[in-house]
Amino acid sequence: MDEILPYTSLKRSTFYYQAQRINRRKNKDEELLKLIKEVKSKHPCFGYRTVTLKLRSQGIKVNHKRVSRIMRENDLSAHMYNKQRRKYNSALGPQGKKAKNLLHRRFDTHLPFRSL
């Protein structure tokens, strides 16, 4: 690495400081990944928000964006379990069935703007 430094505008101390900082961050992320995996093994449906709250309740000070990044990089993100399978139809109402035509009214016509 010392061969590269004369060709850059980077100071020697800055280069080694940044290299050490990156290694420290990787080590912390690996420790946090182990803790996240423990929480996910107990609660597989937890997303990054609930995992963050669980870690904070254990006394670990961590940001939700960091937890989200680590979970995304390691494919630990929660899958959506309440995704709508069909489009919303207001005619169905809360019962889930269409009302029957008890009055036998005709709602269609062959002439525009007139009802028969």
PDB file of N, CA and C in Angstrom:
ATOM      1  N   MET A   1       0.816  -1.194   0.000  1.00  0.00           N
ATOM      2  CA  MET A   1       0.000   0.000   0.000  1.00  0.00           C
ATOM      3  C   MET A   1       0.861   1.260   0.000  1.00  0.00           C
ATOM      4  N   ASP A   2       2.045   1.166   0.564  1.00  0.00           N
ATOM      5  CA  ASP A   2       2.907   2.351   0.613  1.00  0.00           C
ATOM      6  C   ASP A   2       3.357   2.773  -0.785  1.00  0.00           C
ATOM      7  N   GLU A   3       3.301   1.836  -1.755  1.00  0.00           N
ATOM      8  CA  GLU A   3       3.698   2.184  -3.113  1.00  0.00           C
ATOM      9  C   GLU A   3       2.656   3.071  -3.789  1.00  0.00           C
ATOM     10  N   ILE A   4       1.412   2.969  -3.382  1.00  0.00           N
ATOM     11  CA  ILE A   4       0.325   3.724  -4.007  1.00  0.00           C
ATOM     12  C   ILE A   4       0.273   5.158  -3.488  1.00  0.00           C
ATOM     13  N   LEU A   5       0.610   5.344  -2.232  1.00  0.00           N
ATOM     14  CA  LEU A   5       0.433   6.654  -1.589  1.00  0.00           C
ATOM     15  C   LEU A   5       1.154   7.812  -2.281  1.00  0.00           C
ATOM     16  N   PRO A   6       2.375   7.665  -2.800  1.00  0.00           N
ATOM     17  CA  PRO A   6       2.999   8.828  -3.456  1.00  0.00           C
ATOM     18  C   PRO A   6       2.257   9.320  -4.692  1.00  0.00           C
ATOM     19  N   TYR A   7       1.449   8.455  -5.298  1.00  0.00           N
ATOM     20  CA  TYR A   7       0.738   8.836  -6.514  1.00  0.00           C
ATOM     21  C   TYR A   7      -0.654   9.402  -6.234  1.00  0.00           C
ATOM     22  N   THR A   8      -1.034   9.478  -4.984  1.00  0.00           N
ATOM     23  CA  THR A   8      -2.336  10.037  -4.621  1.00  0.00           C
ATOM     24  C   THR A   8      -2.134  11.300  -3.805  1.00  0.00           C
ATOM     25  N   SER A   9      -3.208  12.054  -3.655  1.00  0.00           N
ATOM     26  CA  SER A   9      -3.134  13.275  -2.843  1.00  0.00           C
ATOM     27  C   SER A   9      -3.544  13.000  -1.404  1.00  0.00           C
ATOM     28  N   LEU A  10      -3.609  11.732  -1.029  1.00  0.00           N
ATOM     29  CA  LEU A  10      -4.052  11.329   0.303  1.00  0.00           C
ATOM     30  C   LEU A  10      -2.867  11.233   1.253  1.00  0.00           C
ATOM     31  N   LYS A  11      -3.038  11.778   2.444  1.00  0.00           N
ATOM     32  CA  LYS A  11      -1.994  11.672   3.462  1.00  0.00           C
ATOM     33  C   LYS A  11      -1.906  10.239   3.973  1.00  0.00           C
ATOM     34  N   ARG A  12      -0.729   9.859   4.444  1.00  0.00           N
ATOM     35  CA  ARG A  12      -0.495   8.499   4.916  1.00  0.00           C
ATOM     36  C   ARG A  12      -1.371   8.182   6.125  1.00  0.00           C
ATOM     37  N   SER A  13      -1.458   9.119   7.063  1.00  0.00           N
ATOM     38  CA  SER A  13      -2.249   8.888   8.274  1.00  0.00           C
ATOM     39  C   SER A  13      -3.739   8.760   7.951  1.00  0.00           C
ATOM     40  N   THR A  14      -4.210   9.538   6.987  1.00  0.00           N
ATOM     41  CA  THR A  14      -5.615   9.471   6.594  1.00  0.00           C
ATOM     42  C   THR A  14      -5.934   8.124   5.964  1.00  0.00           C
ATOM     43  N   PHE A  15      -5.033   7.635   5.127  1.00  0.00           N
ATOM     44  CA  PHE A  15      -5.243   6.342   4.476  1.00  0.00           C
ATOM     45  C   PHE A  15      -5.373   5.226   5.509  1.00  0.00           C
ATOM     46  N   TYR A  16      -4.458   5.176   6.456  1.00  0.00           N
ATOM     47  CA  TYR A  16      -4.494   4.107   7.447  1.00  0.00           C
ATOM     48  C   TYR A  16      -5.658   4.270   8.418  1.00  0.00           C
ATOM     49  N   TYR A  17      -6.029   5.512   8.705  1.00  0.00           N
ATOM     50  CA  TYR A  17      -7.190   5.751   9.573  1.00  0.00           C
ATOM     51  C   TYR A  17      -8.462   5.226   8.916  1.00  0.00           C
ATOM     52  N   GLN A  18      -8.645   5.515   7.636  1.00  0.00           N
ATOM     53  CA  GLN A  18      -9.850   5.061   6.923  1.00  0.00           C
ATOM     54  C   GLN A  18      -9.876   3.539   6.778  1.00  0.00           C
ATOM     55  N   ALA A  19      -8.717   2.942   6.521  1.00  0.00           N
ATOM     56  CA  ALA A  19      -8.652   1.481   6.401  1.00  0.00           C
ATOM     57  C   ALA A  19      -9.046   0.813   7.716  1.00  0.00           C
ATOM     58  N   GLN A  20      -8.554   1.367   8.820  1.00  0.00           N
ATOM     59  CA  GLN A  20      -8.882   0.818  10.133  1.00  0.00           C
ATOM     60  C   GLN A  20     -10.362   1.025  10.456  1.00  0.00           C
ATOM     61  N   ARG A  21     -10.893   2.149  10.055  1.00  0.00           N
ATOM     62  CA  ARG A  21     -12.297   2.462  10.317  1.00  0.00           C
ATOM     63  C   ARG A  21     -13.222   1.495   9.581  1.00  0.00           C
ATOM     64  N   ILE A  22     -12.895   1.160   8.340  1.00  0.00           N
ATOM     65  CA  ILE A  22     -13.703   0.216   7.562  1.00  0.00           C
ATOM     66  C   ILE A  22     -13.689  -1.160   8.221  1.00  0.00           C
ATOM     67  N   ASN A  23     -12.519  -1.599   8.690  1.00  0.00           N
ATOM     68  CA  ASN A  23     -12.439  -2.900   9.353  1.00  0.00           C
ATOM     69  C   ASN A  23     -13.264  -2.922  10.633  1.00  0.00           C
ATOM     70  N   ARG A  24     -13.233  -1.820  11.392  1.00  0.00           N
ATOM     71  CA  ARG A  24     -14.000  -1.735  12.629  1.00  0.00           C
ATOM     72  C   ARG A  24     -15.499  -1.820  12.337  1.00  0.00           C
ATOM     73  N   ARG A  25     -15.939  -1.156  11.264  1.00  0.00           N
ATOM     74  CA  ARG A  25     -17.357  -1.167  10.910  1.00  0.00           C
ATOM     75  C   ARG A  25     -17.807  -2.567  10.506  1.00  0.00           C
ATOM     76  N   LYS A  26     -16.966  -3.288   9.746  1.00  0.00           N
ATOM     77  CA  LYS A  26     -17.308  -4.652   9.346  1.00  0.00           C
ATOM     78  C   LYS A  26     -17.465  -5.555  10.564  1.00  0.00           C
ATOM     79  N   ASN A  27     -16.568  -5.404  11.542  1.00  0.00           N
ATOM     80  CA  ASN A  27     -16.641  -6.221  12.750  1.00  0.00           C
ATOM     81  C   ASN A  27     -17.923  -5.940  13.526  1.00  0.00           C
ATOM     82  N   LYS A  28     -18.297  -4.657  13.631  1.00  0.00           N
ATOM     83  CA  LYS A  28     -19.521  -4.305  14.350  1.00  0.00           C
ATOM     84  C   LYS A  28     -20.752  -4.822  13.616  1.00  0.00           C
ATOM     85  N   ASP A  29     -20.725  -4.751  12.290  1.00  0.00           N
ATOM     86  CA  ASP A  29     -21.852  -5.256  11.510  1.00  0.00           C
ATOM     87  C   ASP A  29     -22.004  -6.761  11.661  1.00  0.00           C
ATOM     88  N   GLU A  30     -20.887  -7.484  11.745  1.00  0.00           N
ATOM     89  CA  GLU A  30     -20.941  -8.933  11.923  1.00  0.00           C
ATOM     90  C   GLU A  30     -21.525  -9.293  13.285  1.00  0.00           C
ATOM     91  N   GLU A  31     -21.157  -8.525  14.323  1.00  0.00           N
ATOM     92  CA  GLU A  31     -21.718  -8.771  15.657  1.00  0.00           C
ATOM     93  C   GLU A  31     -23.219  -8.491  15.664  1.00  0.00           C
ATOM     94  N   LEU A  32     -23.601  -7.397  15.015  1.00  0.00           N
ATOM     95  CA  LEU A  32     -25.012  -7.038  14.952  1.00  0.00           C
ATOM     96  C   LEU A  32     -25.796  -8.059  14.127  1.00  0.00           C
ATOM     97  N   LEU A  33     -25.187  -8.593  13.075  1.00  0.00           N
ATOM     98  CA  LEU A  33     -25.839  -9.610  12.250  1.00  0.00           C
ATOM     99  C   LEU A  33     -26.155 -10.856  13.078  1.00  0.00           C
ATOM    100  N   LYS A  34     -25.244 -11.248  13.949  1.00  0.00           N
ATOM    101  CA  LYS A  34     -25.498 -12.408  14.820  1.00  0.00           C
ATOM    102  C   LYS A  34     -26.708 -12.156  15.715  1.00  0.00           C
ATOM    103  N   LEU A  35     -26.795 -10.952  16.283  1.00  0.00           N
ATOM    104  CA  LEU A  35     -27.919 -10.619  17.158  1.00  0.00           C
ATOM    105  C   LEU A  35     -29.227 -10.574  16.370  1.00  0.00           C
ATOM    106  N   ILE A  36     -29.178 -10.027  15.154  1.00  0.00           N
ATOM    107  CA  ILE A  36     -30.376  -9.965  14.315  1.00  0.00           C
ATOM    108  C   ILE A  36     -30.839 -11.369  13.952  1.00  0.00           C
ATOM    109  N   LYS A  37     -29.910 -12.258  13.643  1.00  0.00           N
ATOM    110  CA  LYS A  37     -30.269 -13.636  13.310  1.00  0.00           C
ATOM    111  C   LYS A  37     -30.908 -14.344  14.494  1.00  0.00           C
ATOM    112  N   GLU A  38     -30.448 -14.048  15.707  1.00  0.00           N
ATOM    113  CA  GLU A  38     -31.061 -14.639  16.900  1.00  0.00           C
ATOM    114  C   GLU A  38     -32.511 -14.187  17.044  1.00  0.00           C
ATOM    115  N   VAL A  39     -32.732 -12.889  16.859  1.00  0.00           N
ATOM    116  CA  VAL A  39     -34.097 -12.365  16.970  1.00  0.00           C
ATOM    117  C   VAL A  39     -34.977 -12.944  15.872  1.00  0.00           C
ATOM    118  N   LYS A  40     -34.457 -13.013  14.624  1.00  0.00           N
ATOM    119  CA  LYS A  40     -35.239 -13.535  13.507  1.00  0.00           C
ATOM    120  C   LYS A  40     -35.533 -15.030  13.654  1.00  0.00           C
ATOM    121  N   SER A  41     -34.644 -15.771  14.318  1.00  0.00           N
ATOM    122  CA  SER A  41     -34.910 -17.200  14.511  1.00  0.00           C
ATOM    123  C   SER A  41     -36.072 -17.412  15.475  1.00  0.00           C
ATOM    124  N   LYS A  42     -36.204 -16.520  16.469  1.00  0.00           N
ATOM    125  CA  LYS A  42     -37.322 -16.626  17.410  1.00  0.00           C
ATOM    126  C   LYS A  42     -38.608 -16.069  16.812  1.00  0.00           C
ATOM    127  N   HIS A  43     -38.476 -14.984  16.047  1.00  0.00           N
ATOM    128  CA  HIS A  43     -39.636 -14.313  15.469  1.00  0.00           C
ATOM    129  C   HIS A  43     -39.386 -14.094  13.971  1.00  0.00           C
ATOM    130  N   PRO A  44     -39.661 -15.077  13.120  1.00  0.00           N
ATOM    131  CA  PRO A  44     -39.327 -14.940  11.697  1.00  0.00           C
ATOM    132  C   PRO A  44     -40.153 -13.903  10.947  1.00  0.00           C
ATOM    133  N   CYS A  45     -41.293 -13.498  11.489  1.00  0.00           N
ATOM    134  CA  CYS A  45     -42.136 -12.541  10.778  1.00  0.00           C
ATOM    135  C   CYS A  45     -41.772 -11.091  11.099  1.00  0.00           C
ATOM    136  N   PHE A  46     -40.811 -10.852  11.964  1.00  0.00           N
ATOM    137  CA  PHE A  46     -40.430  -9.490  12.334  1.00  0.00           C
ATOM    138  C   PHE A  46     -39.747  -8.789  11.172  1.00  0.00           C
ATOM    139  N   GLY A  47     -40.080  -7.528  10.966  1.00  0.00           N
ATOM    140  CA  GLY A  47     -39.397  -6.686   9.999  1.00  0.00           C
ATOM    141  C   GLY A  47     -38.298  -5.901  10.691  1.00  0.00           C
ATOM    142  N   TYR A  48     -37.678  -4.970   9.964  1.00  0.00           N
ATOM    143  CA  TYR A  48     -36.548  -4.245  10.540  1.00  0.00           C
ATOM    144  C   TYR A  48     -36.971  -3.342  11.693  1.00  0.00           C
ATOM    145  N   ARG A  49     -38.198  -2.835  11.660  1.00  0.00           N
ATOM    146  CA  ARG A  49     -38.642  -1.948  12.740  1.00  0.00           C
ATOM    147  C   ARG A  49     -38.779  -2.702  14.061  1.00  0.00           C
ATOM    148  N   THR A  50     -39.440  -3.852  14.016  1.00  0.00           N
ATOM    149  CA  THR A  50     -39.630  -4.615  15.244  1.00  0.00           C
ATOM    150  C   THR A  50     -38.335  -5.255  15.713  1.00  0.00           C
ATOM    151  N   VAL A  51     -37.469  -5.612  14.775  1.00  0.00           N
ATOM    152  CA  VAL A  51     -36.155  -6.136  15.169  1.00  0.00           C
ATOM    153  C   VAL A  51     -35.364  -5.044  15.885  1.00  0.00           C
ATOM    154  N   THR A  52     -35.444  -3.812  15.373  1.00  0.00           N
ATOM    155  CA  THR A  52     -34.754  -2.690  16.016  1.00  0.00           C
ATOM    156  C   THR A  52     -35.292  -2.466  17.420  1.00  0.00           C
ATOM    157  N   LEU A  53     -36.610  -2.502  17.579  1.00  0.00           N
ATOM    158  CA  LEU A  53     -37.193  -2.319  18.910  1.00  0.00           C
ATOM    159  C   LEU A  53     -36.779  -3.434  19.865  1.00  0.00           C
ATOM    160  N   LYS A  54     -36.713  -4.642  19.350  1.00  0.00           N
ATOM    161  CA  LYS A  54     -36.305  -5.787  20.184  1.00  0.00           C
ATOM    162  C   LYS A  54     -34.854  -5.629  20.632  1.00  0.00           C
ATOM    163  N   LEU A  55     -33.981  -5.190  19.717  1.00  0.00           N
ATOM    164  CA  LEU A  55     -32.583  -4.986  20.077  1.00  0.00           C
ATOM    165  C   LEU A  55     -32.433  -3.855  21.095  1.00  0.00           C
ATOM    166  N   ARG A  56     -33.213  -2.792  20.917  1.00  0.00           N
ATOM    167  CA  ARG A  56     -33.156  -1.684  21.877  1.00  0.00           C
ATOM    168  C   ARG A  56     -33.659  -2.103  23.251  1.00  0.00           C
ATOM    169  N   SER A  57     -34.654  -2.991  23.286  1.00  0.00           N
ATOM    170  CA  SER A  57     -35.146  -3.472  24.579  1.00  0.00           C
ATOM    171  C   SER A  57     -34.110  -4.356  25.275  1.00  0.00           C
ATOM    172  N   GLN A  58     -33.205  -4.941  24.484  1.00  0.00           N
ATOM    173  CA  GLN A  58     -32.108  -5.730  25.057  1.00  0.00           C
ATOM    174  C   GLN A  58     -30.943  -4.850  25.491  1.00  0.00           C
ATOM    175  N   GLY A  59     -31.047  -3.550  25.240  1.00  0.00           N
ATOM    176  CA  GLY A  59     -30.004  -2.613  25.673  1.00  0.00           C
ATOM    177  C   GLY A  59     -28.958  -2.322  24.617  1.00  0.00           C
ATOM    178  N   ILE A  60     -29.224  -2.665  23.370  1.00  0.00           N
ATOM    179  CA  ILE A  60     -28.276  -2.426  22.284  1.00  0.00           C
ATOM    180  C   ILE A  60     -28.701  -1.160  21.556  1.00  0.00           C
ATOM    181  N   LYS A  61     -27.829  -0.166  21.534  1.00  0.00           N
ATOM    182  CA  LYS A  61     -28.137   1.101  20.881  1.00  0.00           C
ATOM    183  C   LYS A  61     -27.818   0.970  19.402  1.00  0.00           C
ATOM    184  N   VAL A  62     -28.867   0.984  18.568  1.00  0.00           N
ATOM    185  CA  VAL A  62     -28.687   0.769  17.137  1.00  0.00           C
ATOM    186  C   VAL A  62     -29.732   1.567  16.377  1.00  0.00           C
ATOM    187  N   ASN A  63     -29.364   2.025  15.188  1.00  0.00           N
ATOM    188  CA  ASN A  63     -30.253   2.811  14.342  1.00  0.00           C
ATOM    189  C   ASN A  63     -31.055   1.879  13.432  1.00  0.00           C
ATOM    190  N   HIS A  64     -32.297   2.248  13.145  1.00  0.00           N
ATOM    191  CA  HIS A  64     -33.161   1.408  12.309  1.00  0.00           C
ATOM    192  C   HIS A  64     -32.651   1.311  10.880  1.00  0.00           C
ATOM    193  N   LYS A  65     -31.964   2.357  10.385  1.00  0.00           N
ATOM    194  CA  LYS A  65     -31.446   2.314   9.015  1.00  0.00           C
ATOM    195  C   LYS A  65     -30.308   1.304   8.898  1.00  0.00           C
ATOM    196  N   ARG A  66     -29.532   1.179   9.938  1.00  0.00           N
ATOM    197  CA  ARG A  66     -28.436   0.208   9.929  1.00  0.00           C
ATOM    198  C   ARG A  66     -28.987  -1.217   9.956  1.00  0.00           C
ATOM    199  N   VAL A  67     -29.990  -1.436  10.800  1.00  0.00           N
ATOM    200  CA  VAL A  67     -30.622  -2.756  10.872  1.00  0.00           C
ATOM    201  C   VAL A  67     -31.257  -3.108   9.532  1.00  0.00           C
ATOM    202  N   SER A  68     -31.912  -2.131   8.917  1.00  0.00           N
ATOM    203  CA  SER A  68     -32.544  -2.360   7.616  1.00  0.00           C
ATOM    204  C   SER A  68     -31.509  -2.738   6.561  1.00  0.00           C
ATOM    205  N   ARG A  69     -30.383  -2.032   6.538  1.00  0.00           N
ATOM    206  CA  ARG A  69     -29.326  -2.313   5.554  1.00  0.00           C
ATOM    207  C   ARG A  69     -28.758  -3.714   5.750  1.00  0.00           C
ATOM    208  N   ILE A  70     -28.469  -4.073   6.991  1.00  0.00           N
ATOM    209  CA  ILE A  70     -27.887  -5.394   7.267  1.00  0.00           C
ATOM    210  C   ILE A  70     -28.869  -6.500   6.913  1.00  0.00           C
ATOM    211  N   MET A  71     -30.141  -6.306   7.245  1.00  0.00           N
ATOM    212  CA  MET A  71     -31.138  -7.325   6.922  1.00  0.00           C
ATOM    213  C   MET A  71     -31.317  -7.457   5.416  1.00  0.00           C
ATOM    214  N   ARG A  72     -31.286  -6.335   4.696  1.00  0.00           N
ATOM    215  CA  ARG A  72     -31.444  -6.373   3.242  1.00  0.00           C
ATOM    216  C   ARG A  72     -30.252  -7.065   2.580  1.00  0.00           C
ATOM    217  N   GLU A  73     -29.028  -6.781   3.065  1.00  0.00           N
ATOM    218  CA  GLU A  73     -27.830  -7.388   2.475  1.00  0.00           C
ATOM    219  C   GLU A  73     -27.777  -8.887   2.695  1.00  0.00           C
ATOM    220  N   ASN A  74     -28.373  -9.374   3.786  1.00  0.00           N
ATOM    221  CA  ASN A  74     -28.312 -10.791   4.124  1.00  0.00           C
ATOM    222  C   ASN A  74     -29.635 -11.516   3.890  1.00  0.00           C
ATOM    223  N   ASP A  75     -30.543 -10.912   3.127  1.00  0.00           N
ATOM    224  CA  ASP A  75     -31.840 -11.513   2.783  1.00  0.00           C
ATOM    225  C   ASP A  75     -32.626 -11.955   4.012  1.00  0.00           C
ATOM    226  N   LEU A  76     -32.674 -11.078   5.021  1.00  0.00           N
ATOM    227  CA  LEU A  76     -33.433 -11.367   6.229  1.00  0.00           C
ATOM    228  C   LEU A  76     -34.682 -10.508   6.332  1.00  0.00           C
ATOM    229  N   SER A  77     -35.001  -9.781   5.275  1.00  0.00           N
ATOM    230  CA  SER A  77     -36.161  -8.904   5.302  1.00  0.00           C
ATOM    231  C   SER A  77     -37.431  -9.732   5.404  1.00  0.00           C
ATOM    232  N   ALA A  78     -38.423  -9.164   6.095  1.00  0.00           N
ATOM    233  CA  ALA A  78     -39.703  -9.855   6.249  1.00  0.00           C
ATOM    234  C   ALA A  78     -40.474  -9.772   4.941  1.00  0.00           C
ATOM    235  N   HIS A  79     -41.196 -10.831   4.621  1.00  0.00           N
ATOM    236  CA  HIS A  79     -42.039 -10.834   3.438  1.00  0.00           C
ATOM    237  C   HIS A  79     -43.407 -10.311   3.832  1.00  0.00           C
ATOM    238  N   MET A  80     -44.031  -9.607   2.918  1.00  0.00           N
ATOM    239  CA  MET A  80     -45.352  -9.047   3.222  1.00  0.00           C
ATOM    240  C   MET A  80     -46.354 -10.174   3.370  1.00  0.00           C
ATOM    241  N   TYR A  81     -47.127 -10.121   4.426  1.00  0.00           N
ATOM    242  CA  TYR A  81     -48.100 -11.159   4.661  1.00  0.00           C
ATOM    243  C   TYR A  81     -49.527 -10.640   4.536  1.00  0.00           C
ATOM    244  N   ASN A  82     -49.706  -9.327   4.321  1.00  0.00           N
ATOM    245  CA  ASN A  82     -51.051  -8.781   4.205  1.00  0.00           C
ATOM    246  C   ASN A  82     -51.248  -8.083   2.863  1.00  0.00           C
ATOM    247  N   LYS A  83     -50.565  -8.518   1.873  1.00  0.00           N
ATOM    248  CA  LYS A  83     -50.683  -7.909   0.558  1.00  0.00           C
ATOM    249  C   LYS A  83     -52.041  -8.266  -0.049  1.00  0.00           C
ATOM    250  N   GLN A  84     -52.705  -7.260  -0.611  1.00  0.00           N
ATOM    251  CA  GLN A  84     -54.020  -7.513  -1.191  1.00  0.00           C
ATOM    252  C   GLN A  84     -53.887  -8.360  -2.453  1.00  0.00           C
ATOM    253  N   ARG A  85     -54.699  -9.361  -2.560  1.00  0.00           N
ATOM    254  CA  ARG A  85     -54.652 -10.269  -3.694  1.00  0.00           C
ATOM    255  C   ARG A  85     -55.555  -9.790  -4.840  1.00  0.00           C
ATOM    256  N   ARG A  86     -56.521  -8.912  -4.544  1.00  0.00           N
ATOM    257  CA  ARG A  86     -57.444  -8.452  -5.561  1.00  0.00           C
ATOM    258  C   ARG A  86     -57.665  -6.964  -5.383  1.00  0.00           C
ATOM    259  N   LYS A  87     -58.278  -6.348  -6.381  1.00  0.00           N
ATOM    260  CA  LYS A  87     -58.570  -4.929  -6.286  1.00  0.00           C
ATOM    261  C   LYS A  87     -59.775  -4.702  -5.391  1.00  0.00           C
ATOM    262  N   TYR A  88     -59.853  -3.519  -4.821  1.00  0.00           N
ATOM    263  CA  TYR A  88     -60.964  -3.174  -3.943  1.00  0.00           C
ATOM    264  C   TYR A  88     -62.223  -2.950  -4.750  1.00  0.00           C
ATOM    265  N   ASN A  89     -63.336  -3.490  -4.275  1.00  0.00           N
ATOM    266  CA  ASN A  89     -64.630  -3.317  -4.919  1.00  0.00           C
ATOM    267  C   ASN A  89     -65.610  -2.843  -3.855  1.00  0.00           C
ATOM    268  N   SER A  90     -66.058  -1.587  -3.951  1.00  0.00           N
ATOM    269  CA  SER A  90     -66.928  -1.025  -2.924  1.00  0.00           C
ATOM    270  C   SER A  90     -68.305  -1.672  -2.924  1.00  0.00           C
ATOM    271  N   ALA A  91     -68.707  -2.289  -4.016  1.00  0.00           N
ATOM    272  CA  ALA A  91     -70.020  -2.920  -4.080  1.00  0.00           C
ATOM    273  C   ALA A  91     -70.086  -4.151  -3.179  1.00  0.00           C
ATOM    274  N   LEU A  92     -68.946  -4.730  -2.905  1.00  0.00           N
ATOM    275  CA  LEU A  92     -68.945  -5.919  -2.051  1.00  0.00           C
ATOM    276  C   LEU A  92     -69.319  -5.571  -0.619  1.00  0.00           C
ATOM    277  N   GLY A  93     -68.859  -4.428  -0.146  1.00  0.00           N
ATOM    278  CA  GLY A  93     -69.182  -4.013   1.212  1.00  0.00           C
ATOM    279  C   GLY A  93     -68.462  -4.848   2.248  1.00  0.00           C
ATOM    280  N   PRO A  94     -68.763  -4.621   3.532  1.00  0.00           N
ATOM    281  CA  PRO A  94     -68.050  -5.339   4.596  1.00  0.00           C
ATOM    282  C   PRO A  94     -68.396  -6.819   4.664  1.00  0.00           C
ATOM    283  N   GLN A  95     -69.550  -7.237   4.111  1.00  0.00           N
ATOM    284  CA  GLN A  95     -69.945  -8.648   4.172  1.00  0.00           C
ATOM    285  C   GLN A  95     -69.173  -9.494   3.176  1.00  0.00           C
ATOM    286  N   GLY A  96     -68.697  -8.875   2.114  1.00  0.00           N
ATOM    287  CA  GLY A  96     -67.962  -9.619   1.113  1.00  0.00           C
ATOM    288  C   GLY A  96     -68.848 -10.197   0.028  1.00  0.00           C
ATOM    289  N   LYS A  97     -70.132  -9.831  -0.014  1.00  0.00           N
ATOM    290  CA  LYS A  97     -71.036 -10.333  -1.041  1.00  0.00           C
ATOM    291  C   LYS A  97     -71.787  -9.149  -1.645  1.00  0.00           C
ATOM    292  N   LYS A  98     -72.171  -9.271  -2.906  1.00  0.00           N
ATOM    293  CA  LYS A  98     -72.997  -8.244  -3.524  1.00  0.00           C
ATOM    294  C   LYS A  98     -74.434  -8.417  -3.056  1.00  0.00           C
ATOM    295  N   ALA A  99     -75.117  -7.283  -2.915  1.00  0.00           N
ATOM    296  CA  ALA A  99     -76.524  -7.337  -2.500  1.00  0.00           C
ATOM    297  C   ALA A  99     -77.377  -7.896  -3.637  1.00  0.00           C
ATOM    298  N   LYS A 100     -78.359  -8.690  -3.278  1.00  0.00           N
ATOM    299  CA  LYS A 100     -79.263  -9.266  -4.284  1.00  0.00           C
ATOM    300  C   LYS A 100     -80.234  -8.199  -4.762  1.00  0.00           C
ATOM    301  N   ASN A 101     -80.700  -8.347  -5.987  1.00  0.00           N
ATOM    302  CA  ASN A 101     -81.634  -7.410  -6.581  1.00  0.00           C
ATOM    303  C   ASN A 101     -83.050  -7.825  -6.182  1.00  0.00           C
ATOM    304  N   LEU A 102     -83.446  -7.516  -4.940  1.00  0.00           N
ATOM    305  CA  LEU A 102     -84.744  -7.943  -4.428  1.00  0.00           C
ATOM    306  C   LEU A 102     -85.900  -7.167  -5.057  1.00  0.00           C
ATOM    307  N   LEU A 103     -85.678  -5.939  -5.490  1.00  0.00           N
ATOM    308  CA  LEU A 103     -86.733  -5.124  -6.097  1.00  0.00           C
ATOM    309  C   LEU A 103     -86.853  -5.370  -7.595  1.00  0.00           C
ATOM    310  N   HIS A 104     -85.975  -6.138  -8.149  1.00  0.00           N
ATOM    311  CA  HIS A 104     -85.945  -6.475  -9.574  1.00  0.00           C
ATOM    312  C   HIS A 104     -85.940  -5.227 -10.458  1.00  0.00           C
ATOM    313  N   ARG A 105     -85.138  -4.284 -10.069  1.00  0.00           N
ATOM    314  CA  ARG A 105     -85.016  -3.066 -10.869  1.00  0.00           C
ATOM    315  C   ARG A 105     -84.069  -3.310 -12.032  1.00  0.00           C
ATOM    316  N   ARG A 106     -84.336  -2.617 -13.147  1.00  0.00           N
ATOM    317  CA  ARG A 106     -83.477  -2.732 -14.313  1.00  0.00           C
ATOM    318  C   ARG A 106     -82.490  -1.572 -14.289  1.00  0.00           C
ATOM    319  N   PHE A 107     -81.227  -1.880 -14.274  1.00  0.00           N
ATOM    320  CA  PHE A 107     -80.200  -0.851 -14.191  1.00  0.00           C
ATOM    321  C   PHE A 107     -79.516  -0.617 -15.529  1.00  0.00           C
ATOM    322  N   ASP A 108     -80.020  -1.221 -16.573  1.00  0.00           N
ATOM    323  CA  ASP A 108     -79.437  -0.995 -17.889  1.00  0.00           C
ATOM    324  C   ASP A 108     -80.547  -0.581 -18.858  1.00  0.00           C
ATOM    325  N   THR A 109     -80.177   0.112 -19.879  1.00  0.00           N
ATOM    326  CA  THR A 109     -81.139   0.600 -20.851  1.00  0.00           C
ATOM    327  C   THR A 109     -80.515   0.583 -22.239  1.00  0.00           C
ATOM    328  N   HIS A 110     -81.378   0.512 -23.250  1.00  0.00           N
ATOM    329  CA  HIS A 110     -80.862   0.535 -24.616  1.00  0.00           C
ATOM    330  C   HIS A 110     -80.833   1.958 -25.160  1.00  0.00           C
ATOM    331  N   LEU A 111     -81.487   2.924 -24.470  1.00  0.00           N
ATOM    332  CA  LEU A 111     -81.468   4.319 -24.873  1.00  0.00           C
ATOM    333  C   LEU A 111     -80.577   5.117 -23.906  1.00  0.00           C
ATOM    334  N   PRO A 112     -79.690   5.952 -24.413  1.00  0.00           N
ATOM    335  CA  PRO A 112     -78.809   6.692 -23.524  1.00  0.00           C
ATOM    336  C   PRO A 112     -79.565   7.772 -22.753  1.00  0.00           C
ATOM    337  N   PHE A 113     -79.163   8.028 -21.534  1.00  0.00           N
ATOM    338  CA  PHE A 113     -79.699   9.073 -20.647  1.00  0.00           C
ATOM    339  C   PHE A 113     -81.191   8.901 -20.348  1.00  0.00           C
ATOM    340  N   ARG A 114     -81.745   7.702 -20.420  1.00  0.00           N
ATOM    341  CA  ARG A 114     -83.142   7.430 -20.079  1.00  0.00           C
ATOM    342  C   ARG A 114     -83.236   6.097 -19.355  1.00  0.00           C
ATOM    343  N   SER A 115     -84.124   6.033 -18.447  1.00  0.00           N
ATOM    344  CA  SER A 115     -84.398   4.760 -17.800  1.00  0.00           C
ATOM    345  C   SER A 115     -85.795   4.297 -18.167  1.00  0.00           C
ATOM    346  N   LEU A 116     -85.997   3.044 -18.355  1.00  0.00           N
ATOM    347  CA  LEU A 116     -87.304   2.543 -18.787  1.00  0.00           C
ATOM    348  C   LEU A 116     -88.050   1.914 -17.645  1.00  0.00           C
TER     349      LEU A 116
END
